[in-house]
Structures are given as structure tokens and as C-alpha cells.
């Protein structure tokens, strides 16, 4: 209960990673960044991260570094180049940075 009572995140902003990326982050990227950045972020989310994030059923505020590292380890087992893995990590980091700026995440960027 202590964690719930001391959280600085309002209840209406406590959402799953899926909900945040699809309803907040990707639309923000689409309106504020280049079309190529949006396409990259959307592709990374749809092809690499969505299945892993939704299978964990963890809320955005409860994601920790070991959670993200587990995702990156699983993604790294496939035949992807080093630059592709960096692109995936960069997209995740940008998502959590945006979540922190908008008040959906409190703490250090776990990526």
C-alpha cells in the first residue's frame, strides 16, 4: 500500500505499456517528428516490442531496467544486426523519456 499511496502518478495516467505507446507516444511522434521517425518507431513497436510488452502485463510505472533488458535479450536472440538492436533500444528509451515528460512514468529511464 505504501507504493500506491506515495506514487506521484495520477490514477488516470496509470496505464499499460501497450496503451501508452499506442495512444500517447506514437501519435505524439506522428505529429511532432519526421514521417521517417514515426515509421521507424511504429515498426519497432509493432514488429519487436509489442508482443513482449503485452505478454508481461506490466504497467508503465512498474517497468524496471531488468524488464527492458529481458526484452532486449529476447529480441537479440533473433538474427538482427547490431544497428537494429540499437534502433530498438533508442525507440524504447525515447518512449520512456516521453512518458516521464508527460507524467506517465516517475523515476529513472529504465532503458
C-alpha atoms as a PDB file:
ATOM      1  CA  UNK A   1       0.000   0.000   0.000  1.00  0.00           C
ATOM      2  CA  UNK A   2       2.913   2.335   0.665  1.00  0.00           C
ATOM      3  CA  UNK A   3       3.861   2.299  -3.018  1.00  0.00           C
ATOM      4  CA  UNK A   4       0.301   3.125  -4.073  1.00  0.00           C
ATOM      5  CA  UNK A   5      -0.042   5.942  -1.561  1.00  0.00           C
ATOM      6  CA  UNK A   6       3.309   7.554  -2.382  1.00  0.00           C
ATOM      7  CA  UNK A   7       3.014   7.383  -6.170  1.00  0.00           C
ATOM      8  CA  UNK A   8       3.164  10.768  -7.892  1.00  0.00           C
ATOM      9  CA  UNK A   9       1.376   9.453 -10.974  1.00  0.00           C
ATOM     10  CA  UNK A  10      -2.347  10.258 -11.096  1.00  0.00           C
ATOM     11  CA  UNK A  11      -4.609   7.200 -11.416  1.00  0.00           C
ATOM     12  CA  UNK A  12      -5.853   8.281 -14.855  1.00  0.00           C
ATOM     13  CA  UNK A  13      -2.273   8.177 -16.153  1.00  0.00           C
ATOM     14  CA  UNK A  14      -1.526   4.721 -14.781  1.00  0.00           C
ATOM     15  CA  UNK A  15      -1.700   2.615 -17.927  1.00  0.00           C
ATOM     16  CA  UNK A  16      -0.181  -0.394 -19.583  1.00  0.00           C
ATOM     17  CA  UNK A  17       2.808  -0.094 -21.869  1.00  0.00           C
ATOM     18  CA  UNK A  18       0.614  -1.068 -24.834  1.00  0.00           C
ATOM     19  CA  UNK A  19      -1.874   1.679 -24.108  1.00  0.00           C
ATOM     20  CA  UNK A  20       0.812   4.313 -23.650  1.00  0.00           C
ATOM     21  CA  UNK A  21       2.739   3.510 -26.818  1.00  0.00           C
ATOM     22  CA  UNK A  22      -0.356   3.188 -28.994  1.00  0.00           C
ATOM     23  CA  UNK A  23      -2.482   6.040 -27.645  1.00  0.00           C
ATOM     24  CA  UNK A  24       0.114   8.567 -26.456  1.00  0.00           C
ATOM     25  CA  UNK A  25       3.656   8.017 -27.728  1.00  0.00           C
ATOM     26  CA  UNK A  26       3.137   7.006 -31.359  1.00  0.00           C
ATOM     27  CA  UNK A  27       0.544   9.761 -32.015  1.00  0.00           C
ATOM     28  CA  UNK A  28       2.929  12.279 -30.434  1.00  0.00           C
ATOM     29  CA  UNK A  29       5.771  11.064 -32.686  1.00  0.00           C
ATOM     30  CA  UNK A  30       3.481  11.304 -35.716  1.00  0.00           C
ATOM     31  CA  UNK A  31       2.622  14.948 -35.052  1.00  0.00           C
ATOM     32  CA  UNK A  32       5.975  16.198 -33.740  1.00  0.00           C
ATOM     33  CA  UNK A  33       8.652  14.304 -35.638  1.00  0.00           C
ATOM     34  CA  UNK A  34       9.515  13.460 -39.231  1.00  0.00           C
ATOM     35  CA  UNK A  35       7.482  10.794 -41.041  1.00  0.00           C
ATOM     36  CA  UNK A  36      10.546   8.542 -41.184  1.00  0.00           C
ATOM     37  CA  UNK A  37      10.909   8.721 -37.386  1.00  0.00           C
ATOM     38  CA  UNK A  38       7.260   7.819 -36.970  1.00  0.00           C
ATOM     39  CA  UNK A  39       7.591   4.873 -39.355  1.00  0.00           C
ATOM     40  CA  UNK A  40      10.690   3.633 -37.522  1.00  0.00           C
ATOM     41  CA  UNK A  41       9.025   3.911 -34.102  1.00  0.00           C
ATOM     42  CA  UNK A  42       5.834   2.257 -35.315  1.00  0.00           C
ATOM     43  CA  UNK A  43       7.739  -0.602 -36.948  1.00  0.00           C
ATOM     44  CA  UNK A  44       9.909  -1.200 -33.875  1.00  0.00           C
ATOM     45  CA  UNK A  45       6.822  -1.249 -31.674  1.00  0.00           C
ATOM     46  CA  UNK A  46       4.748  -3.498 -33.939  1.00  0.00           C
ATOM     47  CA  UNK A  47       7.431  -5.976 -35.023  1.00  0.00           C
ATOM     48  CA  UNK A  48       9.663  -6.294 -31.982  1.00  0.00           C
ATOM     49  CA  UNK A  49       8.364  -4.899 -28.706  1.00  0.00           C
ATOM     50  CA  UNK A  50       4.574  -5.150 -28.639  1.00  0.00           C
ATOM     51  CA  UNK A  51       4.392  -8.929 -28.178  1.00  0.00           C
ATOM     52  CA  UNK A  52       6.972  -8.906 -25.384  1.00  0.00           C
ATOM     53  CA  UNK A  53       5.465  -5.959 -23.536  1.00  0.00           C
ATOM     54  CA  UNK A  54       1.908  -7.262 -23.710  1.00  0.00           C
ATOM     55  CA  UNK A  55       2.906 -10.755 -22.580  1.00  0.00           C
ATOM     56  CA  UNK A  56       4.352  -9.350 -19.330  1.00  0.00           C
ATOM     57  CA  UNK A  57       1.173  -7.416 -18.456  1.00  0.00           C
ATOM     58  CA  UNK A  58       3.112  -4.832 -16.500  1.00  0.00           C
ATOM     59  CA  UNK A  59       2.019  -1.224 -16.142  1.00  0.00           C
ATOM     60  CA  UNK A  60       4.238   1.550 -17.399  1.00  0.00           C
ATOM     61  CA  UNK A  61       5.104   2.807 -13.919  1.00  0.00           C
ATOM     62  CA  UNK A  62       6.282  -0.673 -12.823  1.00  0.00           C
ATOM     63  CA  UNK A  63       8.818  -1.231 -15.613  1.00  0.00           C
ATOM     64  CA  UNK A  64      12.374  -1.592 -14.360  1.00  0.00           C
ATOM     65  CA  UNK A  65      15.733  -1.904 -16.082  1.00  0.00           C
ATOM     66  CA  UNK A  66      15.798  -5.699 -15.769  1.00  0.00           C
ATOM     67  CA  UNK A  67      12.405  -5.866 -17.512  1.00  0.00           C
ATOM     68  CA  UNK A  68      13.650  -3.905 -20.525  1.00  0.00           C
ATOM     69  CA  UNK A  69      16.922  -5.847 -20.551  1.00  0.00           C
ATOM     70  CA  UNK A  70      14.924  -9.077 -20.726  1.00  0.00           C
ATOM     71  CA  UNK A  71      13.042  -7.748 -23.751  1.00  0.00           C
ATOM     72  CA  UNK A  72      16.265  -6.712 -25.459  1.00  0.00           C
ATOM     73  CA  UNK A  73      17.838 -10.106 -24.712  1.00  0.00           C
ATOM     74  CA  UNK A  74      14.868 -11.901 -26.280  1.00  0.00           C
ATOM     75  CA  UNK A  75      14.897  -9.611 -29.312  1.00  0.00           C
ATOM     76  CA  UNK A  76      18.672 -10.090 -29.631  1.00  0.00           C
ATOM     77  CA  UNK A  77      18.273 -13.856 -29.986  1.00  0.00           C
ATOM     78  CA  UNK A  78      16.830 -13.333 -33.448  1.00  0.00           C
ATOM     79  CA  UNK A  79      19.054 -12.595 -36.411  1.00  0.00           C
ATOM     80  CA  UNK A  80      19.202  -8.809 -36.145  1.00  0.00           C
ATOM     81  CA  UNK A  81      22.179  -6.584 -36.786  1.00  0.00           C
ATOM     82  CA  UNK A  82      23.787  -4.545 -34.061  1.00  0.00           C
ATOM     83  CA  UNK A  83      22.419  -1.327 -35.546  1.00  0.00           C
ATOM     84  CA  UNK A  84      18.877  -2.752 -35.496  1.00  0.00           C
ATOM     85  CA  UNK A  85      19.219  -3.539 -31.810  1.00  0.00           C
ATOM     86  CA  UNK A  86      20.476  -0.002 -31.166  1.00  0.00           C
ATOM     87  CA  UNK A  87      17.476   1.372 -33.061  1.00  0.00           C
ATOM     88  CA  UNK A  88      15.096  -0.707 -30.916  1.00  0.00           C
ATOM     89  CA  UNK A  89      16.800   0.410 -27.717  1.00  0.00           C
ATOM     90  CA  UNK A  90      16.690   4.038 -28.847  1.00  0.00           C
ATOM     91  CA  UNK A  91      12.969   3.842 -29.592  1.00  0.00           C
ATOM     92  CA  UNK A  92      12.245   2.348 -26.168  1.00  0.00           C
ATOM     93  CA  UNK A  93      14.382   4.971 -24.471  1.00  0.00           C
ATOM     94  CA  UNK A  94      12.551   7.740 -26.306  1.00  0.00           C
ATOM     95  CA  UNK A  95       9.214   6.286 -25.267  1.00  0.00           C
ATOM     96  CA  UNK A  96      10.148   6.244 -21.602  1.00  0.00           C
ATOM     97  CA  UNK A  97      11.662   9.723 -21.840  1.00  0.00           C
ATOM     98  CA  UNK A  98       8.380  10.998 -23.269  1.00  0.00           C
ATOM     99  CA  UNK A  99       6.403   9.114 -20.605  1.00  0.00           C
ATOM    100  CA  UNK A 100       8.439  10.849 -17.916  1.00  0.00           C
ATOM    101  CA  UNK A 101       7.993  14.275 -19.512  1.00  0.00           C
ATOM    102  CA  UNK A 102       4.216  13.782 -19.717  1.00  0.00           C
ATOM    103  CA  UNK A 103       3.889  12.415 -16.181  1.00  0.00           C
ATOM    104  CA  UNK A 104       3.132   8.778 -17.041  1.00  0.00           C
ATOM    105  CA  UNK A 105       6.386   7.487 -15.580  1.00  0.00           C
ATOM    106  CA  UNK A 106       8.230   8.502 -12.432  1.00  0.00           C
ATOM    107  CA  UNK A 107      11.850   7.537 -11.954  1.00  0.00           C
ATOM    108  CA  UNK A 108      14.987   6.944 -13.967  1.00  0.00           C
ATOM    109  CA  UNK A 109      14.607   5.856 -17.587  1.00  0.00           C
ATOM    110  CA  UNK A 110      14.809   2.041 -17.411  1.00  0.00           C
ATOM    111  CA  UNK A 111      16.326   1.744 -20.874  1.00  0.00           C
END
